[in-house]
C-alpha atoms as a PDB file:
ATOM      1  CA  MET A   1     -61.356   9.369 -14.448  1.00  0.00           C
ATOM      2  CA  LYS A   2     -57.579   9.030 -13.497  1.00  0.00           C
ATOM      3  CA  HIS A   3     -58.340  10.651  -9.863  1.00  0.00           C
ATOM      4  CA  LYS A   4     -61.544   8.442  -9.551  1.00  0.00           C
ATOM      5  CA  LEU A   5     -59.337   5.119  -9.769  1.00  0.00           C
ATOM      6  CA  ILE A   6     -56.736   6.985  -7.532  1.00  0.00           C
ATOM      7  CA  ALA A   7     -59.534   7.769  -5.000  1.00  0.00           C
ATOM      8  CA  LEU A   8     -59.787   3.769  -4.453  1.00  0.00           C
ATOM      9  CA  LEU A   9     -56.433   3.482  -3.137  1.00  0.00           C
ATOM     10  CA  PHE A  10     -57.247   5.646   0.065  1.00  0.00           C
ATOM     11  CA  THR A  11     -59.832   4.476   2.796  1.00  0.00           C
ATOM     12  CA  LYS A  12     -62.814   6.546   4.000  1.00  0.00           C
ATOM     13  CA  LYS A  13     -60.869   7.223   7.451  1.00  0.00           C
ATOM     14  CA  THR A  14     -57.686   8.632   5.327  1.00  0.00           C
ATOM     15  CA  LYS A  15     -59.924  11.028   3.292  1.00  0.00           C
ATOM     16  CA  LEU A  16     -61.661  12.101   6.382  1.00  0.00           C
ATOM     17  CA  GLU A  17     -58.609  12.674   8.274  1.00  0.00           C
ATOM     18  CA  CYS A  18     -57.641  14.875   4.854  1.00  0.00           C
ATOM     19  CA  ASP A  19     -60.641  16.808   5.014  1.00  0.00           C
ATOM     20  CA  LYS A  20     -60.350  17.477   8.860  1.00  0.00           C
ATOM     21  CA  VAL A  21     -56.917  19.048   8.395  1.00  0.00           C
ATOM     22  CA  LEU A  22     -57.668  21.166   5.472  1.00  0.00           C
ATOM     23  CA  SER A  23     -60.843  22.336   6.730  1.00  0.00           C
ATOM     24  CA  VAL A  24     -58.635  24.191   9.301  1.00  0.00           C
ATOM     25  CA  TYR A  25     -55.566  25.306   7.473  1.00  0.00           C
ATOM     26  CA  SER A  26     -56.252  25.755   3.827  1.00  0.00           C
ATOM     27  CA  PRO A  27     -58.754  28.619   3.032  1.00  0.00           C
ATOM     28  CA  TYR A  28     -58.467  27.543  -0.476  1.00  0.00           C
ATOM     29  CA  TYR A  29     -59.785  24.260   0.321  1.00  0.00           C
ATOM     30  CA  GLN A  30     -62.399  25.499   2.434  1.00  0.00           C
ATOM     31  CA  ASN A  31     -63.927  27.848  -0.384  1.00  0.00           C
ATOM     32  CA  LEU A  32     -63.883  24.982  -2.864  1.00  0.00           C
ATOM     33  CA  SER A  33     -67.358  23.161  -4.068  1.00  0.00           C
ATOM     34  CA  LYS A  34     -68.125  19.733  -2.584  1.00  0.00           C
ATOM     35  CA  VAL A  35     -66.920  17.933  -5.791  1.00  0.00           C
ATOM     36  CA  ASN A  36     -63.695  20.099  -5.904  1.00  0.00           C
ATOM     37  CA  LYS A  37     -62.874  19.673  -2.308  1.00  0.00           C
ATOM     38  CA  TYR A  38     -63.137  15.769  -2.975  1.00  0.00           C
ATOM     39  CA  ASN A  39     -60.908  16.049  -5.934  1.00  0.00           C
ATOM     40  CA  PHE A  40     -58.319  18.113  -3.817  1.00  0.00           C
ATOM     41  CA  GLN A  41     -58.290  15.618  -1.194  1.00  0.00           C
ATOM     42  CA  ILE A  42     -57.234  13.168  -3.579  1.00  0.00           C
ATOM     43  CA  ARG A  43     -54.364  15.197  -5.010  1.00  0.00           C
ATOM     44  CA  THR A  44     -53.178  15.844  -1.751  1.00  0.00           C
ATOM     45  CA  LEU A  45     -53.221  12.259  -0.670  1.00  0.00           C
ATOM     46  CA  LEU A  46     -51.510  11.369  -3.949  1.00  0.00           C
ATOM     47  CA  PHE A  47     -48.670  13.768  -3.340  1.00  0.00           C
ATOM     48  CA  ILE A  48     -48.159  12.299  -0.065  1.00  0.00           C
ATOM     49  CA  ARG A  49     -48.240   8.961  -1.362  1.00  0.00           C
ATOM     50  CA  THR A  50     -45.444   9.617  -3.994  1.00  0.00           C
ATOM     51  CA  THR A  51     -43.243  11.649  -1.861  1.00  0.00           C
ATOM     52  CA  THR A  52     -40.499  10.851   0.984  1.00  0.00           C
ATOM     53  CA  PHE A  53     -40.923  13.235   4.029  1.00  0.00           C
ATOM     54  CA  ASN A  54     -37.976  13.302   6.386  1.00  0.00           C
ATOM     55  CA  SER A  55     -36.806  15.163   9.285  1.00  0.00           C
ATOM     56  CA  THR A  56     -33.955  16.062  11.818  1.00  0.00           C
ATOM     57  CA  GLN A  57     -33.554  13.227  14.260  1.00  0.00           C
ATOM     58  CA  GLY A  58     -36.007  13.610  17.162  1.00  0.00           C
ATOM     59  CA  PHE A  59     -38.655  15.501  15.403  1.00  0.00           C
ATOM     60  CA  VAL A  60     -41.619  13.871  13.777  1.00  0.00           C
ATOM     61  CA  VAL A  61     -43.580  14.472  10.691  1.00  0.00           C
ATOM     62  CA  ASN A  62     -47.168  13.508  11.398  1.00  0.00           C
ATOM     63  CA  ASN A  63     -49.913  13.251   9.089  1.00  0.00           C
ATOM     64  CA  LYS A  64     -51.340  16.486   9.894  1.00  0.00           C
ATOM     65  CA  MET A  65     -48.152  17.816   8.627  1.00  0.00           C
ATOM     66  CA  LYS A  66     -47.750  15.978   5.658  1.00  0.00           C
ATOM     67  CA  ILE A  67     -51.433  16.958   4.487  1.00  0.00           C
ATOM     68  CA  ILE A  68     -50.853  20.802   5.141  1.00  0.00           C
ATOM     69  CA  ILE A  69     -47.374  20.555   3.172  1.00  0.00           C
ATOM     70  CA  SER A  70     -48.570  18.294   0.088  1.00  0.00           C
ATOM     71  CA  SER A  71     -52.223  20.530   0.076  1.00  0.00           C
ATOM     72  CA  ALA A  72     -49.663  23.367  -1.210  1.00  0.00           C
ATOM     73  CA  PHE A  73     -48.740  21.475  -4.103  1.00  0.00           C
ATOM     74  CA  ALA A  74     -52.338  20.618  -4.754  1.00  0.00           C
ATOM     75  CA  GLN A  75     -53.253  24.106  -4.622  1.00  0.00           C
ATOM     76  CA  LEU A  76     -50.445  24.937  -7.265  1.00  0.00           C
ATOM     77  CA  THR A  77     -51.390  22.195  -9.626  1.00  0.00           C
ATOM     78  CA  PHE A  78     -55.203  22.067  -8.912  1.00  0.00           C
ATOM     79  CA  GLY A  79     -55.772  23.292 -12.797  1.00  0.00           C
ATOM     80  CA  LEU A  80     -52.941  21.182 -14.280  1.00  0.00           C
ATOM     81  CA  LYS A  81     -52.525  17.523 -15.322  1.00  0.00           C
ATOM     82  CA  THR A  82     -49.139  17.215 -12.971  1.00  0.00           C
ATOM     83  CA  ASP A  83     -50.167  16.210  -9.557  1.00  0.00           C
ATOM     84  CA  THR A  84     -46.933  14.701  -8.152  1.00  0.00           C
ATOM     85  CA  LEU A  85     -43.122  15.727  -8.540  1.00  0.00           C
ATOM     86  CA  LYS A  86     -40.855  13.308 -10.380  1.00  0.00           C
ATOM     87  CA  VAL A  87     -37.424  14.667  -9.479  1.00  0.00           C
ATOM     88  CA  PHE A  88     -37.833  16.656  -6.237  1.00  0.00           C
ATOM     89  CA  ASN A  89     -40.136  14.458  -4.489  1.00  0.00           C
ATOM     90  CA  ASN A  90     -37.936  14.339  -1.082  1.00  0.00           C
ATOM     91  CA  ILE A  91     -38.841  16.764   1.576  1.00  0.00           C
ATOM     92  CA  PHE A  92     -36.831  17.190   4.733  1.00  0.00           C
ATOM     93  CA  ILE A  93     -38.411  19.373   7.328  1.00  0.00           C
ATOM     94  CA  THR A  94     -36.690  20.971  10.474  1.00  0.00           C
ATOM     95  CA  PRO A  95     -38.102  22.579  13.777  1.00  0.00           C
ATOM     96  CA  GLN A  96     -36.404  25.477  13.266  1.00  0.00           C
ATOM     97  CA  PRO A  97     -34.548  27.647  10.830  1.00  0.00           C
ATOM     98  CA  TYR A  98     -31.233  25.803   9.734  1.00  0.00           C
ATOM     99  CA  SER A  99     -28.043  26.557   8.063  1.00  0.00           C
ATOM    100  CA  TYR A 100     -25.329  25.007   5.815  1.00  0.00           C
ATOM    101  CA  LYS A 101     -21.875  23.998   6.584  1.00  0.00           C
ATOM    102  CA  ASN A 102     -19.702  26.949   6.139  1.00  0.00           C
ATOM    103  CA  ASN A 103     -22.422  29.236   5.731  1.00  0.00           C
ATOM    104  CA  ALA A 104     -23.710  31.502   8.874  1.00  0.00           C
ATOM    105  CA  ALA A 105     -27.074  32.430   7.108  1.00  0.00           C
ATOM    106  CA  LEU A 106     -30.213  30.971   8.402  1.00  0.00           C
ATOM    107  CA  PHE A 107     -32.787  29.451   6.086  1.00  0.00           C
ATOM    108  CA  ASP A 108     -36.418  28.940   6.556  1.00  0.00           C
ATOM    109  CA  GLY A 109     -36.523  26.977   3.122  1.00  0.00           C
ATOM    110  CA  ASP A 110     -34.681  25.986  -0.164  1.00  0.00           C
ATOM    111  CA  VAL A 111     -34.774  23.679  -3.159  1.00  0.00           C
ATOM    112  CA  ASN A 112     -31.305  22.170  -3.249  1.00  0.00           C
ATOM    113  CA  LEU A 113     -30.199  21.329  -6.661  1.00  0.00           C
ATOM    114  CA  HIS A 114     -27.547  18.836  -5.675  1.00  0.00           C
ATOM    115  CA  THR A 115     -29.699  16.712  -3.438  1.00  0.00           C
ATOM    116  CA  LYS A 116     -32.611  17.222  -5.443  1.00  0.00           C
ATOM    117  CA  LYS A 117     -34.263  17.878  -1.983  1.00  0.00           C
ATOM    118  CA  ILE A 118     -36.843  20.554  -0.490  1.00  0.00           C
ATOM    119  CA  ASN A 119     -35.757  21.878   2.655  1.00  0.00           C
ATOM    120  CA  MET A 120     -38.165  23.605   4.936  1.00  0.00           C
ATOM    121  CA  SER A 121     -38.612  24.773   8.441  1.00  0.00           C
ATOM    122  CA  TRP A 122     -41.951  23.627   9.986  1.00  0.00           C
ATOM    123  CA  PRO A 123     -42.565  27.079  11.951  1.00  0.00           C
ATOM    124  CA  ALA A 124     -42.369  28.895   8.644  1.00  0.00           C
ATOM    125  CA  ILE A 125     -44.747  26.504   6.879  1.00  0.00           C
ATOM    126  CA  GLU A 126     -47.501  26.408   9.651  1.00  0.00           C
ATOM    127  CA  ARG A 127     -47.087  30.474   9.489  1.00  0.00           C
ATOM    128  CA  GLY A 128     -48.051  30.535   5.966  1.00  0.00           C
ATOM    129  CA  PHE A 129     -51.305  28.712   6.594  1.00  0.00           C
ATOM    130  CA  LYS A 130     -52.209  30.524   9.652  1.00  0.00           C
ATOM    131  CA  ILE A 131     -51.860  33.799   7.775  1.00  0.00           C
ATOM    132  CA  PRO A 132     -53.793  33.440   4.659  1.00  0.00           C
ATOM    133  CA  ASP A 133     -53.266  36.705   3.029  1.00  0.00           C
ATOM    134  CA  ASP A 134     -50.169  38.177   3.534  1.00  0.00           C
ATOM    135  CA  ALA A 135     -48.684  36.951   0.260  1.00  0.00           C
ATOM    136  CA  LEU A 136     -46.085  34.788   2.347  1.00  0.00           C
ATOM    137  CA  ASN A 137     -46.384  30.849   2.092  1.00  0.00           C
ATOM    138  CA  LEU A 138     -43.336  29.030   2.164  1.00  0.00           C
ATOM    139  CA  CYS A 139     -44.842  25.771   0.712  1.00  0.00           C
ATOM    140  CA  ILE A 140     -46.110  27.667  -2.388  1.00  0.00           C
ATOM    141  CA  HIS A 141     -42.656  29.469  -2.817  1.00  0.00           C
ATOM    142  CA  GLU A 142     -40.351  26.407  -2.515  1.00  0.00           C
ATOM    143  CA  PHE A 143     -42.692  24.156  -4.860  1.00  0.00           C
ATOM    144  CA  GLY A 144     -43.076  27.198  -7.415  1.00  0.00           C
ATOM    145  CA  HIS A 145     -39.384  26.595  -7.970  1.00  0.00           C
ATOM    146  CA  CYS A 146     -39.690  22.899  -7.980  1.00  0.00           C
ATOM    147  CA  LEU A 147     -42.226  23.530 -10.700  1.00  0.00           C
ATOM    148  CA  ILE A 148     -39.894  25.798 -12.637  1.00  0.00           C
ATOM    149  CA  PHE A 149     -37.105  23.407 -12.327  1.00  0.00           C
ATOM    150  CA  GLU A 150     -38.946  20.298 -13.303  1.00  0.00           C
ATOM    151  CA  ASN A 151     -40.812  21.971 -16.162  1.00  0.00           C
ATOM    152  CA  THR A 152     -37.139  22.758 -17.624  1.00  0.00           C
ATOM    153  CA  SER A 153     -35.752  19.124 -17.053  1.00  0.00           C
ATOM    154  CA  ARG A 154     -38.641  17.088 -18.700  1.00  0.00           C
ATOM    155  CA  SER A 155     -39.028  16.028 -22.370  1.00  0.00           C
ATOM    156  CA  TYR A 156     -41.495  18.171 -24.272  1.00  0.00           C
ATOM    157  CA  LEU A 157     -44.252  15.728 -23.936  1.00  0.00           C
ATOM    158  CA  SER A 158     -44.241  15.910 -20.357  1.00  0.00           C
ATOM    159  CA  LYS A 159     -43.724  19.524 -19.834  1.00  0.00           C
ATOM    160  CA  ILE A 160     -45.720  20.737 -16.587  1.00  0.00           C
ATOM    161  CA  PHE A 161     -46.705  24.182 -18.660  1.00  0.00           C
ATOM    162  CA  LYS A 162     -47.583  24.610 -22.053  1.00  0.00           C
ATOM    163  CA  LYS A 163     -44.840  26.658 -23.993  1.00  0.00           C
ATOM    164  CA  LYS A 164     -47.049  28.943 -25.370  1.00  0.00           C
ATOM    165  CA  ASP A 165     -48.342  29.766 -21.897  1.00  0.00           C
ATOM    166  CA  PHE A 166     -45.142  29.773 -20.305  1.00  0.00           C
ATOM    167  CA  ASN A 167     -43.542  32.261 -23.061  1.00  0.00           C
ATOM    168  CA  ASN A 168     -46.451  34.540 -22.610  1.00  0.00           C
ATOM    169  CA  TRP A 169     -46.013  34.429 -18.747  1.00  0.00           C
ATOM    170  CA  ARG A 170     -42.212  34.915 -19.035  1.00  0.00           C
ATOM    171  CA  LYS A 171     -42.954  38.237 -21.135  1.00  0.00           C
ATOM    172  CA  HIS A 172     -45.026  39.704 -18.761  1.00  0.00           C
ATOM    173  CA  ALA A 173     -42.790  38.847 -15.966  1.00  0.00           C
ATOM    174  CA  GLU A 174     -39.537  40.122 -17.418  1.00  0.00           C
ATOM    175  CA  VAL A 175     -41.577  43.654 -17.538  1.00  0.00           C
ATOM    176  CA  LYS A 176     -42.298  43.185 -13.908  1.00  0.00           C
ATOM    177  CA  LEU A 177     -38.706  42.149 -12.976  1.00  0.00           C
ATOM    178  CA  GLU A 178     -37.456  45.446 -14.166  1.00  0.00           C
ATOM    179  CA  LYS A 179     -40.162  47.223 -12.601  1.00  0.00           C
ATOM    180  CA  VAL A 180     -39.065  45.387  -9.240  1.00  0.00           C
ATOM    181  CA  LYS A 181     -35.878  46.590  -9.689  1.00  0.00           C
ATOM    182  CA  SER A 182     -36.358  49.894 -10.229  1.00  0.00           C
ATOM    183  CA  ASN A 183     -38.471  50.454  -7.127  1.00  0.00           C
ATOM    184  CA  ASP A 184     -41.562  51.018  -9.479  1.00  0.00           C
ATOM    185  CA  ASN A 185     -43.034  48.055  -7.929  1.00  0.00           C
ATOM    186  CA  LYS A 186     -46.710  47.207  -6.394  1.00  0.00           C
ATOM    187  CA  VAL A 187     -47.874  43.889  -5.531  1.00  0.00           C
ATOM    188  CA  LEU A 188     -44.845  41.638  -5.226  1.00  0.00           C
ATOM    189  CA  ARG A 189     -42.521  42.228  -2.520  1.00  0.00           C
ATOM    190  CA  ASP A 190     -39.229  43.465  -3.623  1.00  0.00           C
ATOM    191  CA  TYR A 191     -37.396  39.721  -3.106  1.00  0.00           C
ATOM    192  CA  ALA A 192     -39.210  38.964  -6.557  1.00  0.00           C
ATOM    193  CA  GLY A 193     -36.578  41.224  -8.126  1.00  0.00           C
ATOM    194  CA  THR A 194     -33.861  38.603  -7.270  1.00  0.00           C
ATOM    195  CA  ASN A 195     -34.303  36.846 -10.597  1.00  0.00           C
ATOM    196  CA  LEU A 196     -37.192  35.381 -12.741  1.00  0.00           C
ATOM    197  CA  VAL A 197     -37.322  32.072 -10.732  1.00  0.00           C
ATOM    198  CA  GLU A 198     -37.859  34.033  -7.588  1.00  0.00           C
ATOM    199  CA  LEU A 199     -40.068  36.411  -9.067  1.00  0.00           C
ATOM    200  CA  PHE A 200     -42.502  33.408 -10.145  1.00  0.00           C
ATOM    201  CA  SER A 201     -42.374  32.076  -6.500  1.00  0.00           C
ATOM    202  CA  VAL A 202     -43.226  35.560  -5.021  1.00  0.00           C
ATOM    203  CA  SER A 203     -46.019  36.017  -7.789  1.00  0.00           C
ATOM    204  CA  LEU A 204     -47.472  32.713  -6.603  1.00  0.00           C
ATOM    205  CA  GLU A 205     -47.843  33.737  -3.169  1.00  0.00           C
ATOM    206  CA  THR A 206     -49.732  36.990  -4.379  1.00  0.00           C
ATOM    207  CA  PHE A 207     -51.642  35.252  -6.898  1.00  0.00           C
ATOM    208  CA  PHE A 208     -53.330  32.787  -4.220  1.00  0.00           C
ATOM    209  CA  GLU A 209     -53.378  35.089  -1.183  1.00  0.00           C
ATOM    210  CA  GLN A 210     -54.096  38.687  -2.729  1.00  0.00           C
ATOM    211  CA  ALA A 211     -55.829  37.936  -6.017  1.00  0.00           C
ATOM    212  CA  GLU A 212     -57.933  40.443  -6.491  1.00  0.00           C
ATOM    213  CA  TYR A 213     -55.003  43.100  -5.358  1.00  0.00           C
ATOM    214  CA  PHE A 214     -52.596  41.279  -7.741  1.00  0.00           C
ATOM    215  CA  GLU A 215     -55.341  41.340 -10.780  1.00  0.00           C
ATOM    216  CA  GLU A 216     -56.125  45.002 -10.478  1.00  0.00           C
ATOM    217  CA  ASN A 217     -52.355  46.283 -10.223  1.00  0.00           C
ATOM    218  CA  GLU A 218     -50.673  43.856 -12.642  1.00  0.00           C
ATOM    219  CA  PRO A 219     -53.587  42.720 -14.779  1.00  0.00           C
ATOM    220  CA  LEU A 220     -50.996  41.592 -17.737  1.00  0.00           C
ATOM    221  CA  LEU A 221     -48.919  39.278 -15.205  1.00  0.00           C
ATOM    222  CA  TYR A 222     -51.843  38.149 -13.414  1.00  0.00           C
ATOM    223  CA  PHE A 223     -53.873  36.812 -16.434  1.00  0.00           C
ATOM    224  CA  SER A 224     -50.510  35.235 -17.716  1.00  0.00           C
ATOM    225  CA  THR A 225     -50.492  33.242 -14.476  1.00  0.00           C
ATOM    226  CA  THR A 226     -54.291  32.059 -14.741  1.00  0.00           C
ATOM    227  CA  LYS A 227     -53.413  30.941 -18.442  1.00  0.00           C
ATOM    228  CA  LEU A 228     -50.168  28.954 -17.002  1.00  0.00           C
ATOM    229  CA  LEU A 229     -51.621  27.560 -14.067  1.00  0.00           C
ATOM    230  CA  LYS A 230     -55.053  27.125 -15.801  1.00  0.00           C
ATOM    231  CA  GLN A 231     -57.071  28.361 -12.635  1.00  0.00           C
ATOM    232  CA  ASP A 232     -58.457  31.804 -11.564  1.00  0.00           C
ATOM    233  CA  PRO A 233     -58.321  31.901  -7.368  1.00  0.00           C
ATOM    234  CA  ARG A 234     -60.763  34.852  -7.689  1.00  0.00           C
ATOM    235  CA  ASN A 235     -63.484  32.049  -8.612  1.00  0.00           C
ATOM    236  CA  LYS A 236     -63.352  30.710  -5.018  1.00  0.00           C
ATOM    237  CA  THR A 237     -65.802  27.723  -5.416  1.00  0.00           C
ATOM    238  CA  ASN A 238     -64.510  26.433  -8.688  1.00  0.00           C
ATOM    239  CA  PRO A 239     -61.324  28.021  -9.845  1.00  0.00           C
ATOM    240  CA  ILE A 240     -60.174  25.859 -12.402  1.00  0.00           C
ATOM    241  CA  LEU A 241     -60.366  27.399 -16.160  1.00  0.00           C
END
């Protein structure tokens, strides 16, 4: 009912533009049933409306870019009640990898806890959608961080994840973290061994882009993720549980 009412905020032209972009760039969207595609469009457009997009001077973030970026959040939260971010709702896009003052390292993306901004480079964003099966998607990764940070800071009644589901995921994630650290690792790339926050985001990339492989090799972690996100991406037309 909520999203049926929200749909009235958007014109037919806006929805058609969203469908056109997602039909090219989002394999997740392409496989959805007709009803789920429509709901996905509305969640994507709602995220755009509730998010501020900025960029470096001279670099324009157009509607296509906003739709692509926002679709990653819609994908992550498609089975959840949460459809927007309350704190990290300011996204800054750069035309190339960037660095921070007094730090020579180059970044493609990060979630800045001080500024409450999500920073990402457009080439890395686009690459994440053009290659849909390598378990590398910058938007999913950074939005994964946002879900963890906001879930931690929200009050009990507005939590993104159910406490029981999150604790169950964490139990299996801690086992996987030790596996990665000891080089006894399949499925997730080694960066997942940094900490549980990074393991969460890395596992989300794999969850959506290599679901069958993930489930086959780490079934406990996989199914704890399906319970946490209330969806199973192996069910392509209707992933919501």
